[in-house]
Amino acid sequence: RFAAARRAGFDVIFARELRPLRDEALAEAG
């Protein structure tokens, strides 16, 4: 349901290209 509504899922939340950022807010949400 979420992916149908947002067209985003684990592919966006855990995107490889965002890992080098070490964004703390994203890491905590994950």
PDB file of all heavy atoms in Angstrom:
ATOM      1  N   ARG A   1       0.837  -1.217   0.000  1.00  0.00           N
ATOM      2  CA  ARG A   1       0.000   0.000   0.000  1.00  0.00           C
ATOM      3  C   ARG A   1       0.863   1.255   0.000  1.00  0.00           C
ATOM      4  O   ARG A   1       0.573   2.223  -0.699  1.00  0.00           O
ATOM      5  CB  ARG A   1      -0.926  -0.009   1.216  1.00  0.00           C
ATOM      6  CG  ARG A   1      -1.971  -1.109   1.209  1.00  0.00           C
ATOM      7  CD  ARG A   1      -2.899  -1.004   2.406  1.00  0.00           C
ATOM      8  NE  ARG A   1      -3.699  -2.204   2.539  1.00  0.00           N
ATOM      9  CZ  ARG A   1      -3.376  -3.231   3.334  1.00  0.00           C
ATOM     10  NH1 ARG A   1      -2.270  -3.171   4.081  1.00  0.00           N
ATOM     11  NH2 ARG A   1      -4.154  -4.289   3.396  1.00  0.00           N
ATOM     12  N   PHE A   2       1.912   1.236   0.809  1.00  0.00           N
ATOM     13  CA  PHE A   2       2.790   2.395   0.905  1.00  0.00           C
ATOM     14  C   PHE A   2       3.491   2.649  -0.427  1.00  0.00           C
ATOM     15  O   PHE A   2       3.538   3.787  -0.911  1.00  0.00           O
ATOM     16  CB  PHE A   2       3.833   2.176   2.008  1.00  0.00           C
ATOM     17  CG  PHE A   2       4.826   3.295   2.129  1.00  0.00           C
ATOM     18  CD1 PHE A   2       4.496   4.455   2.822  1.00  0.00           C
ATOM     19  CD2 PHE A   2       6.079   3.200   1.537  1.00  0.00           C
ATOM     20  CE1 PHE A   2       5.405   5.503   2.924  1.00  0.00           C
ATOM     21  CE2 PHE A   2       6.990   4.242   1.642  1.00  0.00           C
ATOM     22  CZ  PHE A   2       6.646   5.395   2.335  1.00  0.00           C
ATOM     23  N   ALA A   3       4.044   1.599  -1.018  1.00  0.00           N
ATOM     24  CA  ALA A   3       4.757   1.754  -2.280  1.00  0.00           C
ATOM     25  C   ALA A   3       3.822   2.185  -3.402  1.00  0.00           C
ATOM     26  O   ALA A   3       4.219   2.937  -4.293  1.00  0.00           O
ATOM     27  CB  ALA A   3       5.451   0.444  -2.649  1.00  0.00           C
ATOM     28  N   ALA A   4       2.566   1.733  -3.346  1.00  0.00           N
ATOM     29  CA  ALA A   4       1.592   2.157  -4.353  1.00  0.00           C
ATOM     30  C   ALA A   4       1.275   3.638  -4.214  1.00  0.00           C
ATOM     31  O   ALA A   4       1.103   4.354  -5.208  1.00  0.00           O
ATOM     32  CB  ALA A   4       0.310   1.331  -4.223  1.00  0.00           C
ATOM     33  N   ALA A   5       1.215   4.111  -2.981  1.00  0.00           N
ATOM     34  CA  ALA A   5       0.878   5.515  -2.733  1.00  0.00           C
ATOM     35  C   ALA A   5       2.071   6.433  -2.946  1.00  0.00           C
ATOM     36  O   ALA A   5       1.937   7.517  -3.529  1.00  0.00           O
ATOM     37  CB  ALA A   5       0.343   5.681  -1.309  1.00  0.00           C
ATOM     38  N   ARG A   6       3.235   6.021  -2.483  1.00  0.00           N
ATOM     39  CA  ARG A   6       4.426   6.870  -2.524  1.00  0.00           C
ATOM     40  C   ARG A   6       5.368   6.552  -3.678  1.00  0.00           C
ATOM     41  O   ARG A   6       6.235   7.348  -4.010  1.00  0.00           O
ATOM     42  CB  ARG A   6       5.205   6.732  -1.215  1.00  0.00           C
ATOM     43  CG  ARG A   6       4.676   7.528  -0.053  1.00  0.00           C
ATOM     44  CD  ARG A   6       4.596   8.992  -0.378  1.00  0.00           C
ATOM     45  NE  ARG A   6       4.613   9.834   0.817  1.00  0.00           N
ATOM     46  CZ  ARG A   6       4.434  11.141   0.771  1.00  0.00           C
ATOM     47  NH1 ARG A   6       4.222  11.749  -0.391  1.00  0.00           N
ATOM     48  NH2 ARG A   6       4.460  11.860   1.876  1.00  0.00           N
ATOM     49  N   ARG A   7       5.199   5.373  -4.294  1.00  0.00           N
ATOM     50  CA  ARG A   7       6.131   4.904  -5.323  1.00  0.00           C
ATOM     51  C   ARG A   7       7.564   4.935  -4.806  1.00  0.00           C
ATOM     52  O   ARG A   7       8.504   5.315  -5.509  1.00  0.00           O
ATOM     53  CB  ARG A   7       5.994   5.752  -6.586  1.00  0.00           C
ATOM     54  CG  ARG A   7       4.670   5.559  -7.312  1.00  0.00           C
ATOM     55  CD  ARG A   7       4.550   4.147  -7.868  1.00  0.00           C
ATOM     56  NE  ARG A   7       3.393   3.993  -8.730  1.00  0.00           N
ATOM     57  CZ  ARG A   7       2.236   3.463  -8.358  1.00  0.00           C
ATOM     58  NH1 ARG A   7       2.087   3.036  -7.113  1.00  0.00           N
ATOM     59  NH2 ARG A   7       1.251   3.336  -9.195  1.00  0.00           N
ATOM     60  N   ALA A   8       7.701   4.577  -3.541  1.00  0.00           N
ATOM     61  CA  ALA A   8       9.016   4.508  -2.904  1.00  0.00           C
ATOM     62  C   ALA A   8       8.976   3.401  -1.873  1.00  0.00           C
ATOM     63  O   ALA A   8       7.949   3.183  -1.232  1.00  0.00           O
ATOM     64  CB  ALA A   8       9.374   5.830  -2.237  1.00  0.00           C
ATOM     65  N   GLY A   9      10.080   2.699  -1.749  1.00  0.00           N
ATOM     66  CA  GLY A   9      10.142   1.624  -0.765  1.00  0.00           C
ATOM     67  C   GLY A   9      11.555   1.457  -0.266  1.00  0.00           C
ATOM     68  O   GLY A   9      12.290   2.437  -0.124  1.00  0.00           O
ATOM     69  N   PHE A  10      11.960   0.222  -0.002  1.00  0.00           N
ATOM     70  CA  PHE A  10      13.309  -0.035   0.496  1.00  0.00           C
ATOM     71  C   PHE A  10      14.366   0.426  -0.509  1.00  0.00           C
ATOM     72  O   PHE A  10      15.492   0.743  -0.134  1.00  0.00           O
ATOM     73  CB  PHE A  10      13.478  -1.527   0.783  1.00  0.00           C
ATOM     74  CG  PHE A  10      13.117  -1.912   2.183  1.00  0.00           C
ATOM     75  CD1 PHE A  10      12.026  -1.352   2.820  1.00  0.00           C
ATOM     76  CD2 PHE A  10      13.873  -2.843   2.882  1.00  0.00           C
ATOM     77  CE1 PHE A  10      11.692  -1.707   4.117  1.00  0.00           C
ATOM     78  CE2 PHE A  10      13.543  -3.208   4.182  1.00  0.00           C
ATOM     79  CZ  PHE A  10      12.454  -2.637   4.799  1.00  0.00           C
ATOM     80  N   ASP A  11      14.016   0.453  -1.804  1.00  0.00           N
ATOM     81  CA  ASP A  11      14.968   0.880  -2.820  1.00  0.00           C
ATOM     82  C   ASP A  11      15.379   2.331  -2.638  1.00  0.00           C
ATOM     83  O   ASP A  11      16.498   2.718  -2.995  1.00  0.00           O
ATOM     84  CB  ASP A  11      14.392   0.667  -4.218  1.00  0.00           C
ATOM     85  CG  ASP A  11      13.039   1.326  -4.411  1.00  0.00           C
ATOM     86  OD1 ASP A  11      12.296   1.482  -3.423  1.00  0.00           O
ATOM     87  OD2 ASP A  11      12.708   1.671  -5.559  1.00  0.00           O
ATOM     88  N   VAL A  12      14.495   3.149  -2.076  1.00  0.00           N
ATOM     89  CA  VAL A  12      14.802   4.549  -1.790  1.00  0.00           C
ATOM     90  C   VAL A  12      15.361   4.693  -0.377  1.00  0.00           C
ATOM     91  O   VAL A  12      16.378   5.357  -0.155  1.00  0.00           O
ATOM     92  CB  VAL A  12      13.563   5.439  -1.964  1.00  0.00           C
ATOM     93  CG1 VAL A  12      13.827   6.860  -1.478  1.00  0.00           C
ATOM     94  CG2 VAL A  12      13.126   5.453  -3.428  1.00  0.00           C
ATOM     95  N   ILE A  13      14.716   4.043   0.582  1.00  0.00           N
ATOM     96  CA  ILE A  13      15.113   4.179   1.988  1.00  0.00           C
ATOM     97  C   ILE A  13      16.540   3.704   2.224  1.00  0.00           C
ATOM     98  O   ILE A  13      17.306   4.328   2.953  1.00  0.00           O
ATOM     99  CB  ILE A  13      14.129   3.401   2.891  1.00  0.00           C
ATOM    100  CG1 ILE A  13      12.735   4.026   2.797  1.00  0.00           C
ATOM    101  CG2 ILE A  13      14.615   3.389   4.343  1.00  0.00           C
ATOM    102  CD1 ILE A  13      11.633   3.185   3.427  1.00  0.00           C
ATOM    103  N   PHE A  14      16.904   2.594   1.580  1.00  0.00           N
ATOM    104  CA  PHE A  14      18.241   2.030   1.764  1.00  0.00           C
ATOM    105  C   PHE A  14      19.070   2.124   0.484  1.00  0.00           C
ATOM    106  O   PHE A  14      19.900   1.252   0.212  1.00  0.00           O
ATOM    107  CB  PHE A  14      18.136   0.577   2.225  1.00  0.00           C
ATOM    108  CG  PHE A  14      17.479   0.430   3.577  1.00  0.00           C
ATOM    109  CD1 PHE A  14      16.178  -0.042   3.682  1.00  0.00           C
ATOM    110  CD2 PHE A  14      18.147   0.775   4.735  1.00  0.00           C
ATOM    111  CE1 PHE A  14      15.562  -0.177   4.931  1.00  0.00           C
ATOM    112  CE2 PHE A  14      17.545   0.642   5.985  1.00  0.00           C
ATOM    113  CZ  PHE A  14      16.255   0.164   6.080  1.00  0.00           C
ATOM    114  N   ALA A  15      18.856   3.193  -0.275  1.00  0.00           N
ATOM    115  CA  ALA A  15      19.571   3.368  -1.542  1.00  0.00           C
ATOM    116  C   ALA A  15      21.084   3.373  -1.327  1.00  0.00           C
ATOM    117  O   ALA A  15      21.593   4.070  -0.457  1.00  0.00           O
ATOM    118  CB  ALA A  15      19.143   4.672  -2.205  1.00  0.00           C
ATOM    119  N   ARG A  16      21.778   2.610  -2.148  1.00  0.00           N
ATOM    120  CA  ARG A  16      23.237   2.496  -2.017  1.00  0.00           C
ATOM    121  C   ARG A  16      23.923   3.844  -2.177  1.00  0.00           C
ATOM    122  O   ARG A  16      24.899   4.146  -1.483  1.00  0.00           O
ATOM    123  CB  ARG A  16      23.764   1.510  -3.050  1.00  0.00           C
ATOM    124  CG  ARG A  16      25.274   1.326  -3.022  1.00  0.00           C
ATOM    125  CD  ARG A  16      25.735   0.294  -4.038  1.00  0.00           C
ATOM    126  NE  ARG A  16      25.196  -1.017  -3.746  1.00  0.00           N
ATOM    127  CZ  ARG A  16      25.398  -2.104  -4.513  1.00  0.00           C
ATOM    128  NH1 ARG A  16      26.132  -1.988  -5.610  1.00  0.00           N
ATOM    129  NH2 ARG A  16      24.890  -3.271  -4.190  1.00  0.00           N
ATOM    130  N   GLU A  17      23.428   4.673  -3.079  1.00  0.00           N
ATOM    131  CA  GLU A  17      24.107   5.945  -3.354  1.00  0.00           C
ATOM    132  C   GLU A  17      24.020   6.924  -2.194  1.00  0.00           C
ATOM    133  O   GLU A  17      24.777   7.900  -2.135  1.00  0.00           O
ATOM    134  CB  GLU A  17      23.536   6.596  -4.615  1.00  0.00           C
ATOM    135  CG  GLU A  17      22.097   7.069  -4.500  1.00  0.00           C
ATOM    136  CD  GLU A  17      21.587   7.629  -5.819  1.00  0.00           C
ATOM    137  OE1 GLU A  17      21.174   6.825  -6.683  1.00  0.00           O
ATOM    138  OE2 GLU A  17      21.613   8.854  -5.972  1.00  0.00           O
ATOM    139  N   LEU A  18      23.101   6.674  -1.238  1.00  0.00           N
ATOM    140  CA  LEU A  18      22.978   7.571  -0.093  1.00  0.00           C
ATOM    141  C   LEU A  18      23.814   7.119   1.109  1.00  0.00           C
ATOM    142  O   LEU A  18      23.969   7.880   2.068  1.00  0.00           O
ATOM    143  CB  LEU A  18      21.504   7.679   0.323  1.00  0.00           C
ATOM    144  CG  LEU A  18      20.544   8.237  -0.733  1.00  0.00           C
ATOM    145  CD1 LEU A  18      19.124   8.294  -0.175  1.00  0.00           C
ATOM    146  CD2 LEU A  18      20.988   9.617  -1.201  1.00  0.00           C
ATOM    147  N   ARG A  19      24.326   5.911   1.069  1.00  0.00           N
ATOM    148  CA  ARG A  19      25.077   5.387   2.215  1.00  0.00           C
ATOM    149  C   ARG A  19      26.323   6.199   2.561  1.00  0.00           C
ATOM    150  O   ARG A  19      26.612   6.413   3.745  1.00  0.00           O
ATOM    151  CB  ARG A  19      25.461   3.922   1.960  1.00  0.00           C
ATOM    152  CG  ARG A  19      24.258   2.993   1.912  1.00  0.00           C
ATOM    153  CD  ARG A  19      24.672   1.579   1.530  1.00  0.00           C
ATOM    154  NE  ARG A  19      23.513   0.760   1.217  1.00  0.00           N
ATOM    155  CZ  ARG A  19      23.579  -0.450   0.675  1.00  0.00           C
ATOM    156  NH1 ARG A  19      24.758  -0.979   0.405  1.00  0.00           N
ATOM    157  NH2 ARG A  19      22.478  -1.122   0.401  1.00  0.00           N
ATOM    158  N   PRO A  20      27.087   6.682   1.556  1.00  0.00           N
ATOM    159  CA  PRO A  20      28.297   7.451   1.912  1.00  0.00           C
ATOM    160  C   PRO A  20      28.001   8.749   2.668  1.00  0.00           C
ATOM    161  O   PRO A  20      28.902   9.307   3.297  1.00  0.00           O
ATOM    162  CB  PRO A  20      28.927   7.751   0.533  1.00  0.00           C
ATOM    163  CG  PRO A  20      28.411   6.678  -0.363  1.00  0.00           C
ATOM    164  CD  PRO A  20      27.020   6.412   0.119  1.00  0.00           C
ATOM    165  N   LEU A  21      26.754   9.223   2.617  1.00  0.00           N
ATOM    166  CA  LEU A  21      26.410  10.461   3.323  1.00  0.00           C
ATOM    167  C   LEU A  21      26.502  10.308   4.834  1.00  0.00           C
ATOM    168  O   LEU A  21      26.736  11.271   5.554  1.00  0.00           O
ATOM    169  CB  LEU A  21      24.981  10.900   2.969  1.00  0.00           C
ATOM    170  CG  LEU A  21      24.707  11.380   1.553  1.00  0.00           C
ATOM    171  CD1 LEU A  21      23.231  11.700   1.404  1.00  0.00           C
ATOM    172  CD2 LEU A  21      25.549  12.597   1.225  1.00  0.00           C
ATOM    173  N   ARG A  22      26.232   9.100   5.308  1.00  0.00           N
ATOM    174  CA  ARG A  22      26.184   8.831   6.747  1.00  0.00           C
ATOM    175  C   ARG A  22      25.235   9.829   7.441  1.00  0.00           C
ATOM    176  O   ARG A  22      25.558  10.401   8.486  1.00  0.00           O
ATOM    177  CB  ARG A  22      27.581   8.898   7.363  1.00  0.00           C
ATOM    178  CG  ARG A  22      28.536   7.871   6.787  1.00  0.00           C
ATOM    179  CD  ARG A  22      29.856   7.849   7.510  1.00  0.00           C
ATOM    180  NE  ARG A  22      30.771   6.882   6.906  1.00  0.00           N
ATOM    181  CZ  ARG A  22      30.773   5.576   7.146  1.00  0.00           C
ATOM    182  NH1 ARG A  22      29.882   5.089   7.989  1.00  0.00           N
ATOM    183  NH2 ARG A  22      31.648   4.776   6.556  1.00  0.00           N
ATOM    184  N   ASP A  23      24.078  10.023   6.802  1.00  0.00           N
ATOM    185  CA  ASP A  23      23.076  10.948   7.332  1.00  0.00           C
ATOM    186  C   ASP A  23      22.451  10.340   8.595  1.00  0.00           C
ATOM    187  O   ASP A  23      21.838   9.270   8.535  1.00  0.00           O
ATOM    188  CB  ASP A  23      21.997  11.210   6.276  1.00  0.00           C
ATOM    189  CG  ASP A  23      21.006  12.261   6.691  1.00  0.00           C
ATOM    190  OD1 ASP A  23      20.022  11.897   7.388  1.00  0.00           O
ATOM    191  OD2 ASP A  23      21.194  13.424   6.343  1.00  0.00           O
ATOM    192  N   GLU A  24      22.589  11.013   9.735  1.00  0.00           N
ATOM    193  CA  GLU A  24      22.162  10.437  11.002  1.00  0.00           C
ATOM    194  C   GLU A  24      20.648  10.280  11.086  1.00  0.00           C
ATOM    195  O   GLU A  24      20.146   9.293  11.618  1.00  0.00           O
ATOM    196  CB  GLU A  24      22.666  11.283  12.171  1.00  0.00           C
ATOM    197  CG  GLU A  24      22.364  10.683  13.538  1.00  0.00           C
ATOM    198  CD  GLU A  24      22.834   9.238  13.699  1.00  0.00           C
ATOM    199  OE1 GLU A  24      23.930   8.910  13.203  1.00  0.00           O
ATOM    200  OE2 GLU A  24      22.094   8.435  14.304  1.00  0.00           O
ATOM    201  N   ALA A  25      19.906  11.266  10.563  1.00  0.00           N
ATOM    202  CA  ALA A  25      18.442  11.169  10.605  1.00  0.00           C
ATOM    203  C   ALA A  25      17.955   9.974   9.793  1.00  0.00           C
ATOM    204  O   ALA A  25      17.065   9.229  10.223  1.00  0.00           O
ATOM    205  CB  ALA A  25      17.808  12.460  10.089  1.00  0.00           C
ATOM    206  N   LEU A  26      18.541   9.780   8.620  1.00  0.00           N
ATOM    207  CA  LEU A  26      18.170   8.641   7.784  1.00  0.00           C
ATOM    208  C   LEU A  26      18.571   7.333   8.446  1.00  0.00           C
ATOM    209  O   LEU A  26      17.793   6.360   8.444  1.00  0.00           O
ATOM    210  CB  LEU A  26      18.830   8.769   6.408  1.00  0.00           C
ATOM    211  CG  LEU A  26      18.617   7.597   5.442  1.00  0.00           C
ATOM    212  CD1 LEU A  26      17.143   7.299   5.246  1.00  0.00           C
ATOM    213  CD2 LEU A  26      19.304   7.894   4.104  1.00  0.00           C
ATOM    214  N   ALA A  27      19.773   7.289   9.017  1.00  0.00           N
ATOM    215  CA  ALA A  27      20.228   6.069   9.687  1.00  0.00           C
ATOM    216  C   ALA A  27      19.309   5.712  10.844  1.00  0.00           C
ATOM    217  O   ALA A  27      18.948   4.537  11.032  1.00  0.00           O
ATOM    218  CB  ALA A  27      21.656   6.253  10.185  1.00  0.00           C
ATOM    219  N   GLU A  28      18.899   6.702  11.626  1.00  0.00           N
ATOM    220  CA  GLU A  28      18.020   6.450  12.767  1.00  0.00           C
ATOM    221  C   GLU A  28      16.653   5.975  12.304  1.00  0.00           C
ATOM    222  O   GLU A  28      16.071   5.051  12.893  1.00  0.00           O
ATOM    223  CB  GLU A  28      17.882   7.721  13.610  1.00  0.00           C
ATOM    224  CG  GLU A  28      16.964   7.596  14.814  1.00  0.00           C
ATOM    225  CD  GLU A  28      17.435   6.555  15.824  1.00  0.00           C
ATOM    226  OE1 GLU A  28      18.634   6.203  15.810  1.00  0.00           O
ATOM    227  OE2 GLU A  28      16.602   6.106  16.623  1.00  0.00           O
ATOM    228  N   ALA A  29      16.117   6.578  11.246  1.00  0.00           N
ATOM    229  CA  ALA A  29      14.818   6.148  10.717  1.00  0.00           C
ATOM    230  C   ALA A  29      14.888   4.720  10.199  1.00  0.00           C
ATOM    231  O   ALA A  29      13.961   3.919  10.399  1.00  0.00           O
ATOM    232  CB  ALA A  29      14.378   7.096   9.605  1.00  0.00           C
ATOM    233  N   GLY A  30      16.010   4.390   9.553  1.00  0.00           N
ATOM    234  CA  GLY A  30      16.186   3.024   9.064  1.00  0.00           C
ATOM    235  C   GLY A  30      16.294   2.023  10.200  1.00  0.00           C
ATOM    236  O   GLY A  30      15.743   0.913  10.125  1.00  0.00           O
TER     237      GLY A  30
END
